[in-house]
Amino acid sequence: MTRDDAEKIIRSICRGVQNISYGEHFWQRVSERVPGFSSLDAMNLLKRGKVVSDPQWSEDFQNFRVKVKGLTDHGRITIVVAIAFFDDAYGVTIYPD
């Protein structure tokens, strides 16, 4: 997988928000680092942000992780996006960097 592949997958997933999960760890960390950051902010970052790291395969979690950076109402934010493959679909989980 390349950065461009990851960006295309993330953009296509954004068209169906049911495929995006926000882990409890995400909300704990993001509230500490970016007070007021919401799922709408995260979605906008996924839609408009730039993949800034090469995809890294996680053998433990069977997914690729990339960093996505973009400008939000809260300033420039970087999040980690885990891209998982399910049968004929993709899903993402996001974490604050």
PDB file of N, CA and C in Angstrom:
ATOM      1  N   MET A   1       0.850  -1.178   0.000  1.00  0.00           N
ATOM      2  CA  MET A   1       0.000   0.000   0.000  1.00  0.00           C
ATOM      3  C   MET A   1       0.892   1.237   0.000  1.00  0.00           C
ATOM      4  N   THR A   2       0.498   2.238  -0.767  1.00  0.00           N
ATOM      5  CA  THR A   2       1.220   3.509  -0.827  1.00  0.00           C
ATOM      6  C   THR A   2       0.432   4.588  -0.076  1.00  0.00           C
ATOM      7  N   ARG A   3       1.042   5.754   0.090  1.00  0.00           N
ATOM      8  CA  ARG A   3       0.326   6.887   0.701  1.00  0.00           C
ATOM      9  C   ARG A   3      -0.910   7.241  -0.116  1.00  0.00           C
ATOM     10  N   ASP A   4      -0.753   7.259  -1.451  1.00  0.00           N
ATOM     11  CA  ASP A   4      -1.898   7.580  -2.313  1.00  0.00           C
ATOM     12  C   ASP A   4      -3.018   6.560  -2.146  1.00  0.00           C
ATOM     13  N   ASP A   5      -2.665   5.271  -2.079  1.00  0.00           N
ATOM     14  CA  ASP A   5      -3.676   4.227  -1.859  1.00  0.00           C
ATOM     15  C   ASP A   5      -4.416   4.479  -0.548  1.00  0.00           C
ATOM     16  N   ALA A   6      -3.656   4.767   0.501  1.00  0.00           N
ATOM     17  CA  ALA A   6      -4.258   5.009   1.813  1.00  0.00           C
ATOM     18  C   ALA A   6      -5.202   6.204   1.761  1.00  0.00           C
ATOM     19  N   GLU A   7      -4.774   7.273   1.097  1.00  0.00           N
ATOM     20  CA  GLU A   7      -5.612   8.468   0.999  1.00  0.00           C
ATOM     21  C   GLU A   7      -6.908   8.169   0.246  1.00  0.00           C
ATOM     22  N   LYS A   8      -6.820   7.406  -0.824  1.00  0.00           N
ATOM     23  CA  LYS A   8      -8.024   7.038  -1.585  1.00  0.00           C
ATOM     24  C   LYS A   8      -8.976   6.201  -0.743  1.00  0.00           C
ATOM     25  N   ILE A   9      -8.439   5.256   0.012  1.00  0.00           N
ATOM     26  CA  ILE A   9      -9.279   4.416   0.876  1.00  0.00           C
ATOM     27  C   ILE A   9      -9.960   5.268   1.938  1.00  0.00           C
ATOM     28  N   ILE A  10      -9.202   6.148   2.575  1.00  0.00           N
ATOM     29  CA  ILE A  10      -9.770   7.015   3.617  1.00  0.00           C
ATOM     30  C   ILE A  10     -10.877   7.883   3.040  1.00  0.00           C
ATOM     31  N   ARG A  11     -10.647   8.474   1.876  1.00  0.00           N
ATOM     32  CA  ARG A  11     -11.672   9.326   1.253  1.00  0.00           C
ATOM     33  C   ARG A  11     -12.929   8.518   0.922  1.00  0.00           C
ATOM     34  N   SER A  12     -12.752   7.296   0.407  1.00  0.00           N
ATOM     35  CA  SER A  12     -13.926   6.484   0.061  1.00  0.00           C
ATOM     36  C   SER A  12     -14.690   6.068   1.313  1.00  0.00           C
ATOM     37  N   ILE A  13     -13.977   5.802   2.391  1.00  0.00           N
ATOM     38  CA  ILE A  13     -14.640   5.435   3.648  1.00  0.00           C
ATOM     39  C   ILE A  13     -15.441   6.612   4.190  1.00  0.00           C
ATOM     40  N   CYS A  14     -14.959   7.829   3.978  1.00  0.00           N
ATOM     41  CA  CYS A  14     -15.663   9.015   4.478  1.00  0.00           C
ATOM     42  C   CYS A  14     -17.048   9.168   3.859  1.00  0.00           C
ATOM     43  N   ARG A  15     -17.280   8.529   2.746  1.00  0.00           N
ATOM     44  CA  ARG A  15     -18.611   8.600   2.131  1.00  0.00           C
ATOM     45  C   ARG A  15     -19.623   7.746   2.892  1.00  0.00           C
ATOM     46  N   GLY A  16     -19.150   6.836   3.730  1.00  0.00           N
ATOM     47  CA  GLY A  16     -20.024   5.972   4.524  1.00  0.00           C
ATOM     48  C   GLY A  16     -19.563   5.964   5.964  1.00  0.00           C
ATOM     49  N   VAL A  17     -20.016   6.926   6.761  1.00  0.00           N
ATOM     50  CA  VAL A  17     -19.494   7.127   8.115  1.00  0.00           C
ATOM     51  C   VAL A  17     -19.669   5.918   9.030  1.00  0.00           C
ATOM     52  N   GLN A  18     -20.495   4.963   8.657  1.00  0.00           N
ATOM     53  CA  GLN A  18     -20.666   3.788   9.494  1.00  0.00           C
ATOM     54  C   GLN A  18     -19.384   2.957   9.563  1.00  0.00           C
ATOM     55  N   ASN A  19     -18.447   3.188   8.684  1.00  0.00           N
ATOM     56  CA  ASN A  19     -17.207   2.423   8.656  1.00  0.00           C
ATOM     57  C   ASN A  19     -16.089   3.036   9.491  1.00  0.00           C
ATOM     58  N   ILE A  20     -16.368   4.089  10.213  1.00  0.00           N
ATOM     59  CA  ILE A  20     -15.346   4.770  10.996  1.00  0.00           C
ATOM     60  C   ILE A  20     -15.647   4.580  12.471  1.00  0.00           C
ATOM     61  N   SER A  21     -14.641   4.100  13.210  1.00  0.00           N
ATOM     62  CA  SER A  21     -14.843   3.949  14.653  1.00  0.00           C
ATOM     63  C   SER A  21     -13.854   4.849  15.384  1.00  0.00           C
ATOM     64  N   TYR A  22     -14.320   5.407  16.454  1.00  0.00           N
ATOM     65  CA  TYR A  22     -13.502   6.265  17.299  1.00  0.00           C
ATOM     66  C   TYR A  22     -13.329   5.525  18.615  1.00  0.00           C
ATOM     67  N   GLY A  23     -12.135   5.011  18.846  1.00  0.00           N
ATOM     68  CA  GLY A  23     -11.889   4.241  20.059  1.00  0.00           C
ATOM     69  C   GLY A  23     -11.935   5.108  21.306  1.00  0.00           C
ATOM     70  N   GLU A  24     -12.178   4.455  22.440  1.00  0.00           N
ATOM     71  CA  GLU A  24     -12.215   5.161  23.723  1.00  0.00           C
ATOM     72  C   GLU A  24     -10.888   5.886  23.965  1.00  0.00           C
ATOM     73  N   HIS A  25      -9.802   5.233  23.584  1.00  0.00           N
ATOM     74  CA  HIS A  25      -8.483   5.845  23.736  1.00  0.00           C
ATOM     75  C   HIS A  25      -8.392   7.151  22.941  1.00  0.00           C
ATOM     76  N   PHE A  26      -9.001   7.163  21.749  1.00  0.00           N
ATOM     77  CA  PHE A  26      -9.012   8.380  20.935  1.00  0.00           C
ATOM     78  C   PHE A  26      -9.641   9.529  21.714  1.00  0.00           C
ATOM     79  N   TRP A  27     -10.835   9.295  22.266  1.00  0.00           N
ATOM     80  CA  TRP A  27     -11.547  10.376  22.953  1.00  0.00           C
ATOM     81  C   TRP A  27     -10.816  10.824  24.209  1.00  0.00           C
ATOM     82  N   GLN A  28     -10.183   9.886  24.928  1.00  0.00           N
ATOM     83  CA  GLN A  28      -9.411  10.265  26.113  1.00  0.00           C
ATOM     84  C   GLN A  28      -8.246  11.172  25.724  1.00  0.00           C
ATOM     85  N   ARG A  29      -7.478  10.732  24.740  1.00  0.00           N
ATOM     86  CA  ARG A  29      -6.293  11.487  24.346  1.00  0.00           C
ATOM     87  C   ARG A  29      -6.632  12.811  23.667  1.00  0.00           C
ATOM     88  N   VAL A  30      -7.605  12.779  22.772  1.00  0.00           N
ATOM     89  CA  VAL A  30      -7.908  14.006  22.035  1.00  0.00           C
ATOM     90  C   VAL A  30      -8.482  15.067  22.976  1.00  0.00           C
ATOM     91  N   SER A  31      -9.236  14.650  24.001  1.00  0.00           N
ATOM     92  CA  SER A  31      -9.779  15.645  24.938  1.00  0.00           C
ATOM     93  C   SER A  31      -8.662  16.278  25.766  1.00  0.00           C
ATOM     94  N   GLU A  32      -7.587  15.526  26.012  1.00  0.00           N
ATOM     95  CA  GLU A  32      -6.437  16.081  26.729  1.00  0.00           C
ATOM     96  C   GLU A  32      -5.648  17.043  25.843  1.00  0.00           C
ATOM     97  N   ARG A  33      -5.518  16.700  24.569  1.00  0.00           N
ATOM     98  CA  ARG A  33      -4.638  17.440  23.673  1.00  0.00           C
ATOM     99  C   ARG A  33      -5.334  18.548  22.897  1.00  0.00           C
ATOM    100  N   VAL A  34      -6.609  18.327  22.567  1.00  0.00           N
ATOM    101  CA  VAL A  34      -7.343  19.293  21.741  1.00  0.00           C
ATOM    102  C   VAL A  34      -8.752  19.449  22.316  1.00  0.00           C
ATOM    103  N   PRO A  35      -8.918  20.210  23.400  1.00  0.00           N
ATOM    104  CA  PRO A  35     -10.250  20.382  23.989  1.00  0.00           C
ATOM    105  C   PRO A  35     -11.254  20.883  22.952  1.00  0.00           C
ATOM    106  N   GLY A  36     -12.433  20.281  22.941  1.00  0.00           N
ATOM    107  CA  GLY A  36     -13.483  20.691  22.022  1.00  0.00           C
ATOM    108  C   GLY A  36     -13.460  19.974  20.690  1.00  0.00           C
ATOM    109  N   PHE A  37     -12.458  19.139  20.439  1.00  0.00           N
ATOM    110  CA  PHE A  37     -12.367  18.388  19.180  1.00  0.00           C
ATOM    111  C   PHE A  37     -13.515  17.388  19.125  1.00  0.00           C
ATOM    112  N   SER A  38     -14.203  17.328  17.980  1.00  0.00           N
ATOM    113  CA  SER A  38     -15.399  16.487  17.858  1.00  0.00           C
ATOM    114  C   SER A  38     -15.248  15.470  16.728  1.00  0.00           C
ATOM    115  N   SER A  39     -16.220  14.574  16.622  1.00  0.00           N
ATOM    116  CA  SER A  39     -16.211  13.607  15.519  1.00  0.00           C
ATOM    117  C   SER A  39     -16.360  14.333  14.179  1.00  0.00           C
ATOM    118  N   LEU A  40     -17.049  15.466  14.157  1.00  0.00           N
ATOM    119  CA  LEU A  40     -17.151  16.266  12.934  1.00  0.00           C
ATOM    120  C   LEU A  40     -15.775  16.813  12.536  1.00  0.00           C
ATOM    121  N   ASP A  41     -15.003  17.272  13.525  1.00  0.00           N
ATOM    122  CA  ASP A  41     -13.632  17.720  13.253  1.00  0.00           C
ATOM    123  C   ASP A  41     -12.805  16.571  12.678  1.00  0.00           C
ATOM    124  N   ALA A  42     -12.952  15.396  13.271  1.00  0.00           N
ATOM    125  CA  ALA A  42     -12.206  14.225  12.797  1.00  0.00           C
ATOM    126  C   ALA A  42     -12.602  13.882  11.366  1.00  0.00           C
ATOM    127  N   MET A  43     -13.895  13.911  11.081  1.00  0.00           N
ATOM    128  CA  MET A  43     -14.368  13.592   9.733  1.00  0.00           C
ATOM    129  C   MET A  43     -13.820  14.597   8.721  1.00  0.00           C
ATOM    130  N   ASN A  44     -13.841  15.871   9.069  1.00  0.00           N
ATOM    131  CA  ASN A  44     -13.296  16.893   8.169  1.00  0.00           C
ATOM    132  C   ASN A  44     -11.800  16.686   7.944  1.00  0.00           C
ATOM    133  N   LEU A  45     -11.098  16.281   8.984  1.00  0.00           N
ATOM    134  CA  LEU A  45      -9.672  16.006   8.852  1.00  0.00           C
ATOM    135  C   LEU A  45      -9.439  14.807   7.932  1.00  0.00           C
ATOM    136  N   LEU A  46     -10.263  13.778   8.058  1.00  0.00           N
ATOM    137  CA  LEU A  46     -10.146  12.616   7.174  1.00  0.00           C
ATOM    138  C   LEU A  46     -10.455  12.988   5.725  1.00  0.00           C
ATOM    139  N   LYS A  47     -11.432  13.855   5.532  1.00  0.00           N
ATOM    140  CA  LYS A  47     -11.828  14.250   4.174  1.00  0.00           C
ATOM    141  C   LYS A  47     -10.811  15.163   3.508  1.00  0.00           C
ATOM    142  N   ARG A  48     -10.185  16.038   4.296  1.00  0.00           N
ATOM    143  CA  ARG A  48      -9.347  17.084   3.703  1.00  0.00           C
ATOM    144  C   ARG A  48      -7.863  16.990   4.051  1.00  0.00           C
ATOM    145  N   GLY A  49      -7.539  16.142   5.019  1.00  0.00           N
ATOM    146  CA  GLY A  49      -6.149  16.036   5.455  1.00  0.00           C
ATOM    147  C   GLY A  49      -5.269  15.315   4.447  1.00  0.00           C
ATOM    148  N   LYS A  50      -3.997  15.343   4.707  1.00  0.00           N
ATOM    149  CA  LYS A  50      -2.993  14.738   3.830  1.00  0.00           C
ATOM    150  C   LYS A  50      -2.309  13.598   4.576  1.00  0.00           C
ATOM    151  N   VAL A  51      -2.184  12.449   3.910  1.00  0.00           N
ATOM    152  CA  VAL A  51      -1.426  11.339   4.486  1.00  0.00           C
ATOM    153  C   VAL A  51       0.048  11.738   4.456  1.00  0.00           C
ATOM    154  N   VAL A  52       0.681  11.781   5.635  1.00  0.00           N
ATOM    155  CA  VAL A  52       2.048  12.294   5.732  1.00  0.00           C
ATOM    156  C   VAL A  52       3.065  11.229   6.148  1.00  0.00           C
ATOM    157  N   SER A  53       2.635   9.979   6.227  1.00  0.00           N
ATOM    158  CA  SER A  53       3.576   8.902   6.546  1.00  0.00           C
ATOM    159  C   SER A  53       3.301   7.714   5.641  1.00  0.00           C
ATOM    160  N   ASP A  54       4.336   6.938   5.405  1.00  0.00           N
ATOM    161  CA  ASP A  54       4.139   5.716   4.637  1.00  0.00           C
ATOM    162  C   ASP A  54       3.326   4.733   5.472  1.00  0.00           C
ATOM    163  N   PRO A  55       2.443   3.969   4.838  1.00  0.00           N
ATOM    164  CA  PRO A  55       1.659   2.979   5.573  1.00  0.00           C
ATOM    165  C   PRO A  55       2.571   1.949   6.245  1.00  0.00           C
ATOM    166  N   GLN A  56       2.295   1.686   7.509  1.00  0.00           N
ATOM    167  CA  GLN A  56       3.045   0.695   8.279  1.00  0.00           C
ATOM    168  C   GLN A  56       2.114  -0.458   8.622  1.00  0.00           C
ATOM    169  N   TRP A  57       2.494  -1.670   8.257  1.00  0.00           N
ATOM    170  CA  TRP A  57       1.679  -2.849   8.529  1.00  0.00           C
ATOM    171  C   TRP A  57       1.864  -3.279   9.976  1.00  0.00           C
ATOM    172  N   SER A  58       0.754  -3.540  10.674  1.00  0.00           N
ATOM    173  CA  SER A  58       0.780  -4.073  12.032  1.00  0.00           C
ATOM    174  C   SER A  58       0.376  -5.540  11.974  1.00  0.00           C
ATOM    175  N   GLU A  59       1.324  -6.408  12.224  1.00  0.00           N
ATOM    176  CA  GLU A  59       1.038  -7.844  12.237  1.00  0.00           C
ATOM    177  C   GLU A  59       0.074  -8.174  13.376  1.00  0.00           C
ATOM    178  N   ASP A  60       0.247  -7.510  14.525  1.00  0.00           N
ATOM    179  CA  ASP A  60      -0.614  -7.770  15.689  1.00  0.00           C
ATOM    180  C   ASP A  60      -2.075  -7.444  15.416  1.00  0.00           C
ATOM    181  N   PHE A  61      -2.318  -6.319  14.741  1.00  0.00           N
ATOM    182  CA  PHE A  61      -3.690  -5.861  14.528  1.00  0.00           C
ATOM    183  C   PHE A  61      -4.198  -6.098  13.109  1.00  0.00           C
ATOM    184  N   GLN A  62      -3.334  -6.594  12.238  1.00  0.00           N
ATOM    185  CA  GLN A  62      -3.709  -6.892  10.852  1.00  0.00           C
ATOM    186  C   GLN A  62      -4.302  -5.667  10.150  1.00  0.00           C
ATOM    187  N   ASN A  63      -3.597  -4.527  10.287  1.00  0.00           N
ATOM    188  CA  ASN A  63      -4.041  -3.313   9.613  1.00  0.00           C
ATOM    189  C   ASN A  63      -2.835  -2.460   9.240  1.00  0.00           C
ATOM    190  N   PHE A  64      -3.098  -1.469   8.417  1.00  0.00           N
ATOM    191  CA  PHE A  64      -2.087  -0.478   8.071  1.00  0.00           C
ATOM    192  C   PHE A  64      -2.362   0.775   8.888  1.00  0.00           C
ATOM    193  N   ARG A  65      -1.309   1.444   9.315  1.00  0.00           N
ATOM    194  CA  ARG A  65      -1.448   2.707  10.032  1.00  0.00           C
ATOM    195  C   ARG A  65      -0.714   3.797   9.274  1.00  0.00           C
ATOM    196  N   VAL A  66      -1.390   4.937   9.158  1.00  0.00           N
ATOM    197  CA  VAL A  66      -0.794   6.114   8.527  1.00  0.00           C
ATOM    198  C   VAL A  66      -1.110   7.333   9.379  1.00  0.00           C
ATOM    199  N   LYS A  67      -0.297   8.359   9.239  1.00  0.00           N
ATOM    200  CA  LYS A  67      -0.579   9.633   9.898  1.00  0.00           C
ATOM    201  C   LYS A  67      -1.229  10.550   8.886  1.00  0.00           C
ATOM    202  N   VAL A  68      -2.276  11.235   9.333  1.00  0.00           N
ATOM    203  CA  VAL A  68      -2.991  12.207   8.505  1.00  0.00           C
ATOM    204  C   VAL A  68      -2.903  13.553   9.214  1.00  0.00           C
ATOM    205  N   LYS A  69      -2.476  14.568   8.483  1.00  0.00           N
ATOM    206  CA  LYS A  69      -2.312  15.906   9.051  1.00  0.00           C
ATOM    207  C   LYS A  69      -3.179  16.877   8.270  1.00  0.00           C
ATOM    208  N   GLY A  70      -3.772  17.819   8.995  1.00  0.00           N
ATOM    209  CA  GLY A  70      -4.574  18.828   8.334  1.00  0.00           C
ATOM    210  C   GLY A  70      -4.901  19.978   9.263  1.00  0.00           C
ATOM    211  N   LEU A  71      -5.480  20.999   8.698  1.00  0.00           N
ATOM    212  CA  LEU A  71      -5.851  22.195   9.440  1.00  0.00           C
ATOM    213  C   LEU A  71      -7.305  22.089   9.872  1.00  0.00           C
ATOM    214  N   THR A  72      -7.559  22.351  11.146  1.00  0.00           N
ATOM    215  CA  THR A  72      -8.918  22.341  11.686  1.00  0.00           C
ATOM    216  C   THR A  72      -9.162  23.670  12.390  1.00  0.00           C
ATOM    217  N   ASP A  73     -10.365  23.841  12.918  1.00  0.00           N
ATOM    218  CA  ASP A  73     -10.665  25.037  13.709  1.00  0.00           C
ATOM    219  C   ASP A  73      -9.791  25.103  14.960  1.00  0.00           C
ATOM    220  N   HIS A  74      -9.183  23.970  15.318  1.00  0.00           N
ATOM    221  CA  HIS A  74      -8.341  23.881  16.515  1.00  0.00           C
ATOM    222  C   HIS A  74      -6.854  23.990  16.181  1.00  0.00           C
ATOM    223  N   GLY A  75      -6.550  24.320  14.939  1.00  0.00           N
ATOM    224  CA  GLY A  75      -5.158  24.411  14.502  1.00  0.00           C
ATOM    225  C   GLY A  75      -4.765  23.201  13.672  1.00  0.00           C
ATOM    226  N   ARG A  76      -3.471  23.063  13.440  1.00  0.00           N
ATOM    227  CA  ARG A  76      -2.962  21.930  12.661  1.00  0.00           C
ATOM    228  C   ARG A  76      -2.935  20.703  13.567  1.00  0.00           C
ATOM    229  N   ILE A  77      -3.585  19.641  13.108  1.00  0.00           N
ATOM    230  CA  ILE A  77      -3.741  18.417  13.892  1.00  0.00           C
ATOM    231  C   ILE A  77      -3.202  17.239  13.085  1.00  0.00           C
ATOM    232  N   THR A  78      -2.569  16.301  13.780  1.00  0.00           N
ATOM    233  CA  THR A  78      -2.151  15.038  13.174  1.00  0.00           C
ATOM    234  C   THR A  78      -2.845  13.912  13.918  1.00  0.00           C
ATOM    235  N   ILE A  79      -3.438  12.989  13.158  1.00  0.00           N
ATOM    236  CA  ILE A  79      -4.058  11.810  13.750  1.00  0.00           C
ATOM    237  C   ILE A  79      -3.456  10.568  13.108  1.00  0.00           C
ATOM    238  N   VAL A  80      -3.544   9.460  13.819  1.00  0.00           N
ATOM    239  CA  VAL A  80      -3.127   8.170  13.281  1.00  0.00           C
ATOM    240  C   VAL A  80      -4.383   7.445  12.840  1.00  0.00           C
ATOM    241  N   VAL A  81      -4.363   6.944  11.618  1.00  0.00           N
ATOM    242  CA  VAL A  81      -5.511   6.243  11.057  1.00  0.00           C
ATOM    243  C   VAL A  81      -5.105   4.793  10.822  1.00  0.00           C
ATOM    244  N   ALA A  82      -5.864   3.873  11.400  1.00  0.00           N
ATOM    245  CA  ALA A  82      -5.642   2.444  11.170  1.00  0.00           C
ATOM    246  C   ALA A  82      -6.649   1.980  10.127  1.00  0.00           C
ATOM    247  N   ILE A  83      -6.153   1.422   9.029  1.00  0.00           N
ATOM    248  CA  ILE A  83      -7.008   0.958   7.936  1.00  0.00           C
ATOM    249  C   ILE A  83      -7.058  -0.559   7.986  1.00  0.00           C
ATOM    250  N   ALA A  84      -8.248  -1.087   8.203  1.00  0.00           N
ATOM    251  CA  ALA A  84      -8.435  -2.541   8.284  1.00  0.00           C
ATOM    252  C   ALA A  84      -9.265  -3.013   7.102  1.00  0.00           C
ATOM    253  N   PHE A  85      -9.034  -4.240   6.698  1.00  0.00           N
ATOM    254  CA  PHE A  85      -9.739  -4.839   5.563  1.00  0.00           C
ATOM    255  C   PHE A  85     -10.710  -5.891   6.086  1.00  0.00           C
ATOM    256  N   PHE A  86     -11.977  -5.767   5.709  1.00  0.00           N
ATOM    257  CA  PHE A  86     -13.010  -6.714   6.115  1.00  0.00           C
ATOM    258  C   PHE A  86     -13.702  -7.242   4.874  1.00  0.00           C
ATOM    259  N   ASP A  87     -13.552  -8.525   4.595  1.00  0.00           N
ATOM    260  CA  ASP A  87     -14.176  -9.155   3.433  1.00  0.00           C
ATOM    261  C   ASP A  87     -14.099  -8.229   2.218  1.00  0.00           C
ATOM    262  N   ASP A  88     -15.187  -7.536   1.893  1.00  0.00           N
ATOM    263  CA  ASP A  88     -15.202  -6.650   0.726  1.00  0.00           C
ATOM    264  C   ASP A  88     -15.279  -5.181   1.122  1.00  0.00           C
ATOM    265  N   ALA A  89     -14.849  -4.846   2.323  1.00  0.00           N
ATOM    266  CA  ALA A  89     -14.969  -3.467   2.789  1.00  0.00           C
ATOM    267  C   ALA A  89     -13.714  -3.072   3.569  1.00  0.00           C
ATOM    268  N   TYR A  90     -13.597  -1.794   3.833  1.00  0.00           N
ATOM    269  CA  TYR A  90     -12.524  -1.248   4.651  1.00  0.00           C
ATOM    270  C   TYR A  90     -13.154  -0.570   5.860  1.00  0.00           C
ATOM    271  N   GLY A  91     -12.386  -0.435   6.906  1.00  0.00           N
ATOM    272  CA  GLY A  91     -12.810   0.344   8.057  1.00  0.00           C
ATOM    273  C   GLY A  91     -11.611   1.099   8.587  1.00  0.00           C
ATOM    274  N   VAL A  92     -11.850   2.194   9.270  1.00  0.00           N
ATOM    275  CA  VAL A  92     -10.744   2.931   9.875  1.00  0.00           C
ATOM    276  C   VAL A  92     -11.030   3.199  11.338  1.00  0.00           C
ATOM    277  N   THR A  93      -9.982   3.242  12.110  1.00  0.00           N
ATOM    278  CA  THR A  93     -10.025   3.675  13.492  1.00  0.00           C
ATOM    279  C   THR A  93      -9.015   4.799  13.595  1.00  0.00           C
ATOM    280  N   ILE A  94      -9.356   5.851  14.304  1.00  0.00           N
ATOM    281  CA  ILE A  94      -8.426   6.975  14.395  1.00  0.00           C
ATOM    282  C   ILE A  94      -7.972   7.188  15.830  1.00  0.00           C
ATOM    283  N   TYR A  95      -6.763   7.661  15.951  1.00  0.00           N
ATOM    284  CA  TYR A  95      -6.128   7.925  17.238  1.00  0.00           C
ATOM    285  C   TYR A  95      -5.436   9.276  17.138  1.00  0.00           C
ATOM    286  N   PRO A  96      -5.359  10.021  18.239  1.00  0.00           N
ATOM    287  CA  PRO A  96      -4.571  11.248  18.184  1.00  0.00           C
ATOM    288  C   PRO A  96      -3.095  10.883  18.136  1.00  0.00           C
ATOM    289  N   ASP A  97      -2.306  11.692  17.475  1.00  0.00           N
ATOM    290  CA  ASP A  97      -0.869  11.436  17.381  1.00  0.00           C
ATOM    291  C   ASP A  97      -0.173  11.965  18.616  1.00  0.00           C
TER     292      ASP A  97
END
